[in-house]
Amino acid sequence: MWRILFFVIPFAGLLPLALSTNMDPFLAGLISAAMASLLALALSFLVLSGRRQAVANQLAAARVAKHQKNVDESHEDDVLDASSR
């Protein structure tokens, strides 16, 4: 939602500005979209860093949980280690 707003608001402001320069409407739209995309990227990076970090922490926790052995696997490993000695 925020990323869409970070793009749409600058695009809505830049498009009339670009069209007022009497350039081709397609080119004006393309330049406005490119500039709005760069601005949205920068704003997302700065403003949404907390959300990005929260998602990264959740992914890291899920990865750790996936590689942890449960009680049965630990017991089987202990039995196999004891029998190989």
C-alpha atoms as a PDB file:
ATOM      1  CA  MET A   1       0.000   0.000   0.000  1.00  0.00           C
ATOM      2  CA  TRP A   2       2.715   2.472   1.016  1.00  0.00           C
ATOM      3  CA  ARG A   3       4.879   1.649  -1.978  1.00  0.00           C
ATOM      4  CA  ILE A   4       2.000   2.336  -4.319  1.00  0.00           C
ATOM      5  CA  LEU A   5       1.427   5.703  -2.676  1.00  0.00           C
ATOM      6  CA  PHE A   6       5.153   6.449  -2.814  1.00  0.00           C
ATOM      7  CA  PHE A   7       4.910   6.003  -6.596  1.00  0.00           C
ATOM      8  CA  VAL A   8       1.480   7.444  -7.421  1.00  0.00           C
ATOM      9  CA  ILE A   9       1.825  10.752  -5.580  1.00  0.00           C
ATOM     10  CA  PRO A  10       5.135  11.799  -7.199  1.00  0.00           C
ATOM     11  CA  PHE A  11       3.938  10.524 -10.575  1.00  0.00           C
ATOM     12  CA  ALA A  12       0.766  12.607 -10.280  1.00  0.00           C
ATOM     13  CA  GLY A  13       2.891  15.661  -9.513  1.00  0.00           C
ATOM     14  CA  LEU A  14       5.573  15.063 -12.138  1.00  0.00           C
ATOM     15  CA  LEU A  15       3.320  14.203 -15.077  1.00  0.00           C
ATOM     16  CA  PRO A  16       1.642  17.616 -15.383  1.00  0.00           C
ATOM     17  CA  LEU A  17       5.026  19.250 -14.913  1.00  0.00           C
ATOM     18  CA  ALA A  18       6.523  17.180 -17.736  1.00  0.00           C
ATOM     19  CA  LEU A  19       3.515  17.757 -19.984  1.00  0.00           C
ATOM     20  CA  SER A  20       3.814  21.514 -19.493  1.00  0.00           C
ATOM     21  CA  THR A  21       7.206  21.440 -21.257  1.00  0.00           C
ATOM     22  CA  ASN A  22       5.496  20.625 -24.591  1.00  0.00           C
ATOM     23  CA  MET A  23       7.306  17.309 -25.000  1.00  0.00           C
ATOM     24  CA  ASP A  24       5.705  14.226 -26.497  1.00  0.00           C
ATOM     25  CA  PRO A  25       3.057  12.892 -24.048  1.00  0.00           C
ATOM     26  CA  PHE A  26       4.454   9.345 -24.198  1.00  0.00           C
ATOM     27  CA  LEU A  27       7.956  10.570 -23.403  1.00  0.00           C
ATOM     28  CA  ALA A  28       6.619  12.809 -20.639  1.00  0.00           C
ATOM     29  CA  GLY A  29       4.839   9.835 -19.082  1.00  0.00           C
ATOM     30  CA  LEU A  30       7.910   7.650 -19.411  1.00  0.00           C
ATOM     31  CA  ILE A  31      10.206  10.212 -17.796  1.00  0.00           C
ATOM     32  CA  SER A  32       7.672  10.895 -15.035  1.00  0.00           C
ATOM     33  CA  ALA A  33       7.312   7.175 -14.354  1.00  0.00           C
ATOM     34  CA  ALA A  34      11.079   6.688 -14.219  1.00  0.00           C
ATOM     35  CA  MET A  35      11.576   9.602 -11.835  1.00  0.00           C
ATOM     36  CA  ALA A  36       8.643   8.526  -9.659  1.00  0.00           C
ATOM     37  CA  SER A  37      10.048   4.981  -9.544  1.00  0.00           C
ATOM     38  CA  LEU A  38      13.421   6.200  -8.333  1.00  0.00           C
ATOM     39  CA  LEU A  39      11.796   8.408  -5.732  1.00  0.00           C
ATOM     40  CA  ALA A  40       9.536   5.551  -4.582  1.00  0.00           C
ATOM     41  CA  LEU A  41      12.554   3.269  -4.284  1.00  0.00           C
ATOM     42  CA  ALA A  42      14.400   5.782  -2.120  1.00  0.00           C
ATOM     43  CA  LEU A  43      11.362   6.479   0.065  1.00  0.00           C
ATOM     44  CA  SER A  44      10.646   2.766   0.515  1.00  0.00           C
ATOM     45  CA  PHE A  45      14.231   2.133   1.521  1.00  0.00           C
ATOM     46  CA  LEU A  46      14.217   4.936   4.084  1.00  0.00           C
ATOM     47  CA  VAL A  47      10.686   4.808   5.467  1.00  0.00           C
ATOM     48  CA  LEU A  48       9.945   1.080   5.381  1.00  0.00           C
ATOM     49  CA  SER A  49      13.245  -0.148   6.817  1.00  0.00           C
ATOM     50  CA  GLY A  50      11.552  -1.297  10.036  1.00  0.00           C
ATOM     51  CA  ARG A  51       9.119  -3.503   8.154  1.00  0.00           C
ATOM     52  CA  ARG A  52      11.910  -4.869   5.983  1.00  0.00           C
ATOM     53  CA  GLN A  53      13.941  -5.746   9.082  1.00  0.00           C
ATOM     54  CA  ALA A  54      10.925  -7.445  10.700  1.00  0.00           C
ATOM     55  CA  VAL A  55      10.394  -9.645   7.644  1.00  0.00           C
ATOM     56  CA  ALA A  56      14.104 -10.488   7.539  1.00  0.00           C
ATOM     57  CA  ASN A  57      13.974 -11.513  11.207  1.00  0.00           C
ATOM     58  CA  GLN A  58      10.949 -13.724  10.585  1.00  0.00           C
ATOM     59  CA  LEU A  59      12.678 -15.412   7.651  1.00  0.00           C
ATOM     60  CA  ALA A  60      15.818 -15.980   9.719  1.00  0.00           C
ATOM     61  CA  ALA A  61      13.783 -17.480  12.575  1.00  0.00           C
ATOM     62  CA  ALA A  62      11.941 -19.763  10.167  1.00  0.00           C
ATOM     63  CA  ARG A  63      15.237 -20.921   8.678  1.00  0.00           C
ATOM     64  CA  VAL A  64      16.691 -21.679  12.112  1.00  0.00           C
ATOM     65  CA  ALA A  65      13.541 -23.542  13.133  1.00  0.00           C
ATOM     66  CA  LYS A  66      13.673 -25.602   9.940  1.00  0.00           C
ATOM     67  CA  HIS A  67      17.209 -26.803  10.672  1.00  0.00           C
ATOM     68  CA  GLN A  68      16.678 -27.607  14.348  1.00  0.00           C
ATOM     69  CA  LYS A  69      16.367 -31.271  15.194  1.00  0.00           C
ATOM     70  CA  ASN A  70      13.355 -32.468  17.080  1.00  0.00           C
ATOM     71  CA  VAL A  71      13.570 -34.838  20.069  1.00  0.00           C
ATOM     72  CA  ASP A  72      13.215 -37.990  17.961  1.00  0.00           C
ATOM     73  CA  GLU A  73      16.001 -37.018  15.579  1.00  0.00           C
ATOM     74  CA  SER A  74      18.306 -36.155  18.473  1.00  0.00           C
ATOM     75  CA  HIS A  75      17.584 -39.505  20.159  1.00  0.00           C
ATOM     76  CA  GLU A  76      18.227 -41.401  16.912  1.00  0.00           C
ATOM     77  CA  ASP A  77      21.522 -39.565  16.444  1.00  0.00           C
ATOM     78  CA  ASP A  78      22.563 -40.428  20.008  1.00  0.00           C
ATOM     79  CA  VAL A  79      21.704 -44.097  19.492  1.00  0.00           C
ATOM     80  CA  LEU A  80      23.621 -44.244  16.225  1.00  0.00           C
ATOM     81  CA  ASP A  81      26.619 -42.513  17.762  1.00  0.00           C
ATOM     82  CA  ALA A  82      26.608 -44.923  20.717  1.00  0.00           C
ATOM     83  CA  SER A  83      26.364 -47.987  18.467  1.00  0.00           C
ATOM     84  CA  SER A  84      29.267 -46.867  16.247  1.00  0.00           C
ATOM     85  CA  ARG A  85      31.700 -46.715  19.184  1.00  0.00           C
END
